[in-house]
Protein backbone atom coordinates (compact mmCIF):
# COMPACT_ATOMS: atom_id res chain seq x y z
CA UNK A 1 -37.73 23.28 12.12
CA UNK A 2 -35.78 23.32 15.02
CA UNK A 3 -33.25 25.76 16.61
CA UNK A 4 -30.43 23.34 15.72
CA UNK A 5 -31.32 23.67 11.89
CA UNK A 6 -31.46 27.51 11.79
CA UNK A 7 -27.86 28.34 10.67
CA UNK A 8 -27.84 31.82 10.39
CA UNK A 9 -24.48 34.20 9.75
CA UNK A 10 -25.09 35.88 12.68
CA UNK A 11 -21.34 37.53 12.19
CA UNK A 12 -21.78 38.98 8.69
CA UNK A 13 -22.13 42.52 10.07
CA UNK A 14 -18.95 42.32 11.96
CA UNK A 15 -17.40 40.96 8.81
CA UNK A 16 -19.18 42.75 5.91
CA UNK A 17 -20.91 45.41 7.21
CA UNK A 18 -24.44 44.20 6.26
CA UNK A 19 -26.80 41.62 8.02
CA UNK A 20 -28.09 38.33 6.94
CA UNK A 21 -31.72 39.20 5.08
CA UNK A 22 -33.91 36.15 5.29
CA UNK A 23 -35.30 34.80 1.77
CA UNK A 24 -39.00 34.51 2.67
CA UNK A 25 -41.09 33.26 -0.72
CA UNK A 26 -40.25 29.88 -0.18
CA UNK A 27 -40.46 29.61 3.55
CA UNK A 28 -43.23 28.51 5.86
CA UNK A 29 -44.59 30.91 8.43
CA UNK A 30 -43.00 28.79 11.02
CA UNK A 31 -39.47 28.97 9.50
CA UNK A 32 -39.88 32.75 9.23
CA UNK A 33 -40.73 33.05 12.48
CA UNK A 34 -37.68 31.25 14.14
CA UNK A 35 -35.39 33.21 11.93
CA UNK A 36 -36.86 36.25 13.14
CA UNK A 37 -36.54 35.10 16.65
CA UNK A 38 -33.22 34.22 16.44
CA UNK A 39 -32.08 37.20 14.64
CA UNK A 40 -33.83 39.70 17.31
CA UNK A 41 -32.62 37.68 20.42
CA UNK A 42 -29.12 37.96 19.19
CA UNK A 43 -29.59 41.93 18.67
CA UNK A 44 -29.56 41.92 14.63
CA UNK A 45 -31.52 43.65 12.46
CA UNK A 46 -33.89 41.39 11.28
CA UNK A 47 -35.55 41.62 7.82
CA UNK A 48 -37.11 39.09 5.38
CA UNK A 49 -37.74 39.76 1.92
CA UNK A 50 -40.63 38.34 -0.62
CA UNK A 51 -42.95 38.18 1.90
CA UNK A 52 -46.83 38.09 0.75
CA UNK A 53 -49.82 39.58 2.61
CA UNK A 54 -51.20 36.22 3.58
CA UNK A 55 -47.86 35.39 5.18
CA UNK A 56 -47.91 38.92 6.72
CA UNK A 57 -51.38 38.16 8.36
CA UNK A 58 -50.42 35.04 9.86
CA UNK A 59 -47.33 36.60 11.42
CA UNK A 60 -49.31 39.59 13.09
CA UNK A 61 -48.67 39.95 16.69
CA UNK A 62 -45.70 37.50 16.59
CA UNK A 63 -43.55 40.16 17.83
CA UNK A 64 -44.04 43.56 19.65
CA UNK A 65 -41.99 45.71 16.62
CA UNK A 66 -42.96 43.30 13.64
CA UNK A 67 -44.21 45.63 10.21
CA UNK A 68 -45.14 44.64 7.03
CA UNK A 69 -43.49 46.73 3.86
CA UNK A 70 -45.91 45.84 1.66
CA UNK A 71 -44.74 47.88 -1.34
CA UNK A 72 -41.46 46.40 -0.60
CA UNK A 73 -43.07 42.89 -0.01
CA UNK A 74 -40.76 42.74 3.40
CA UNK A 75 -41.02 42.13 7.04
CA UNK A 76 -38.86 43.75 9.74
CA UNK A 77 -38.60 43.39 13.59
CA UNK A 78 -36.99 46.00 15.54
CA UNK A 79 -35.73 49.39 14.01
CA UNK A 80 -33.47 50.52 11.41
CA UNK A 81 -29.74 51.42 12.25
CA UNK A 82 -29.13 55.18 12.36
CA UNK A 83 -28.69 57.23 9.33
CA UNK A 84 -25.03 57.18 7.99
CA UNK A 85 -25.21 60.71 6.04
CA UNK A 86 -21.09 60.47 5.87
CA UNK A 87 -21.59 57.46 3.85
CA UNK A 88 -23.62 59.29 0.85
CA UNK A 89 -26.76 59.14 -0.83
CA UNK A 90 -28.05 56.20 -3.10
CA UNK A 91 -30.28 57.44 -5.92
CA UNK A 92 -33.10 55.08 -6.97
CA UNK A 93 -34.72 55.40 -10.49
CA UNK A 94 -37.09 53.48 -12.05
CA UNK A 95 -38.61 53.34 -15.64
CA UNK A 96 -42.10 53.19 -14.60
CA UNK A 97 -44.33 53.21 -11.72
CA UNK A 98 -44.50 49.13 -12.74
CA UNK A 99 -41.14 48.64 -11.44
CA UNK A 100 -41.80 50.32 -7.91
CA UNK A 101 -41.97 46.78 -5.90
CA UNK A 102 -38.33 46.22 -6.61
CA UNK A 103 -37.07 49.85 -6.01
CA UNK A 104 -39.06 49.85 -2.76
CA UNK A 105 -37.26 46.48 -1.78
CA UNK A 106 -33.91 48.20 -2.90
CA UNK A 107 -34.68 51.18 -0.43
CA UNK A 108 -35.87 49.53 2.32
CA UNK A 109 -32.97 47.34 2.46
CA UNK A 110 -30.34 50.65 2.16
CA UNK A 111 -32.68 52.29 4.99
CA UNK A 112 -32.36 49.55 7.43
CA UNK A 113 -28.59 49.76 7.00
CA UNK A 114 -28.42 53.61 7.56
CA UNK A 115 -28.08 54.62 3.89
CA UNK A 116 -29.79 57.95 2.89
CA UNK A 117 -31.92 57.46 -0.29
CA UNK A 118 -33.86 59.07 -2.94
CA UNK A 119 -36.23 57.39 -5.28
CA UNK A 120 -37.23 59.04 -8.72
CA UNK A 121 -39.89 57.41 -10.54
CA UNK A 122 -41.28 57.14 -14.09
CA UNK A 123 -37.90 58.38 -15.88
CA UNK A 124 -37.73 55.87 -18.21
CA UNK A 125 -36.23 56.32 -21.63
CA UNK A 126 -39.61 56.48 -23.75
CA UNK A 127 -39.94 60.04 -22.16
CA UNK A 128 -35.98 60.75 -22.22
CA UNK A 129 -36.79 64.82 -21.45
CA UNK A 130 -38.07 63.00 -17.84
CA UNK A 131 -34.57 61.98 -16.84
CA UNK A 132 -32.66 64.80 -18.15
CA UNK A 133 -34.54 66.91 -16.12
CA UNK A 134 -33.41 64.89 -13.08
CA UNK A 135 -29.49 64.75 -14.13
CA UNK A 136 -29.00 67.85 -11.66
CA UNK A 137 -30.83 66.10 -8.52
CA UNK A 138 -28.50 63.07 -9.39
CA UNK A 139 -25.05 64.98 -8.66
CA UNK A 140 -25.57 64.54 -4.94
CA UNK A 141 -25.85 60.82 -5.21
CA UNK A 142 -22.83 58.53 -4.63
CA UNK A 143 -24.20 55.62 -6.06
CA UNK A 144 -27.45 55.11 -8.49
CA UNK A 145 -29.57 52.06 -8.88
CA UNK A 146 -31.81 52.07 -11.99
CA UNK A 147 -34.75 49.39 -12.02
CA UNK A 148 -36.21 48.91 -15.78
CA UNK A 149 -38.33 46.02 -17.45
CA UNK A 150 -39.06 45.99 -21.22
CA UNK A 151 -35.83 46.51 -23.04
CA UNK A 152 -33.81 47.77 -19.86
CA UNK A 153 -31.89 50.75 -21.42
CA UNK A 154 -32.22 52.81 -18.38
CA UNK A 155 -28.95 51.54 -16.86
CA UNK A 156 -27.37 52.18 -19.99
CA UNK A 157 -28.33 55.80 -20.92
CA UNK A 158 -27.61 56.77 -17.25
CA UNK A 159 -24.42 55.04 -17.57
CA UNK A 160 -23.08 57.51 -20.56
CA UNK A 161 -24.70 60.50 -18.78
CA UNK A 162 -23.36 60.52 -15.01
CA UNK A 163 -19.96 59.63 -13.68
CA UNK A 164 -21.13 57.56 -10.41
CA UNK A 165 -21.49 53.89 -10.39
CA UNK A 166 -24.49 52.54 -11.66
CA UNK A 167 -26.32 49.43 -10.80
CA UNK A 168 -28.82 48.25 -13.49
CA UNK A 169 -31.84 45.85 -12.07
CA UNK A 170 -33.79 43.99 -14.97
CA UNK A 171 -37.30 43.96 -13.85
CA UNK A 172 -39.73 41.15 -14.72
CA UNK A 173 -42.40 43.58 -16.85
CA UNK A 174 -43.05 43.73 -20.37
CA UNK A 175 -44.96 42.14 -23.00
CA UNK A 176 -44.20 39.00 -25.13
CA UNK A 177 -40.40 38.76 -25.86
CA UNK A 178 -39.31 40.97 -22.81
CA UNK A 179 -39.56 37.17 -21.32
CA UNK A 180 -40.13 38.01 -17.58
CA UNK A 181 -37.40 40.27 -17.58
CA UNK A 182 -34.73 38.12 -19.33
CA UNK A 183 -34.49 40.77 -22.25
CA UNK A 184 -33.84 43.43 -19.95
CA UNK A 185 -31.30 41.44 -18.01
CA UNK A 186 -29.10 40.70 -21.71
CA UNK A 187 -29.72 44.06 -22.83
CA UNK A 188 -28.16 45.38 -19.39
CA UNK A 189 -25.26 42.63 -19.68
CA UNK A 190 -24.50 43.53 -23.48
CA UNK A 191 -24.42 47.28 -22.74
CA UNK A 192 -22.08 49.40 -24.37
CA UNK A 193 -21.82 51.88 -21.49
CA UNK A 194 -18.48 51.08 -19.71
CA UNK A 195 -18.50 49.79 -16.21
CA UNK A 196 -22.34 49.23 -15.69
CA UNK A 197 -22.99 46.73 -12.80
CA UNK A 198 -25.93 44.35 -13.26
CA UNK A 199 -27.72 42.36 -11.05
CA UNK A 200 -30.44 39.27 -11.46
CA UNK A 201 -33.81 39.93 -12.47
CA UNK A 202 -35.85 42.22 -10.06
CA UNK A 203 -33.12 41.62 -7.33
CA UNK A 204 -33.43 45.04 -5.75
CA UNK A 205 -32.07 43.30 -2.28
CA UNK A 206 -28.93 42.53 -4.31
CA UNK A 207 -28.57 45.76 -5.79
CA UNK A 208 -28.86 47.43 -2.61
CA UNK A 209 -25.97 45.20 -0.90
CA UNK A 210 -23.82 46.22 -4.01
CA UNK A 211 -24.51 50.11 -3.35
CA UNK A 212 -23.51 49.25 0.52
CA UNK A 213 -20.37 47.83 -0.39
CA UNK A 214 -19.38 50.61 -2.74
CA UNK A 215 -20.27 53.07 -0.19
CA UNK A 216 -18.46 51.52 2.58
CA UNK A 217 -15.08 51.08 -0.06
CA UNK A 218 -15.01 55.00 -0.19
CA UNK A 219 -15.88 55.81 3.21
């Protein structure tokens, strides 16, 4: 892969207010290295999603400020943007700790774009009282991201309880007919809660970007 073959969108931040994030799962180590070099030399935030520990180890030492965020499965080079409290806070919720990788990816993307976050784990509807106990805390959030596997009902319940925009993230967790997150996805898409926004399975990155768009619209 040569420099001429890398076609990164280096104007995305000025155009949309968010940087281009590199998908790492299907890229080789040399391809990821070149993408990071281009972003870093252009003065842009450099983030790569879906990186496993093997690739991360191969990239160790390639950049002075490279960091592997194992829980989020992401690589970063450089420093996150300064927090912008005027944009408001995003609350990230999960039905269980098994959903945490998706939550961690979304939180990292938000924090690197300067967005304040609050994470609440294990508030799934199997123990509804745990969610109800958090409603007072959720009042401070401008946007809520809810990650859930199994039948994926957490975003629907939230959308019936709070007025803020809720972004549902189906997670590929669950037995049998959970089908790698397909059941949660279809459940969220068929939700009777008006205005629920749904992204693709395990797409914490997409949920974070949707939240950033919402926050900037009201800034």
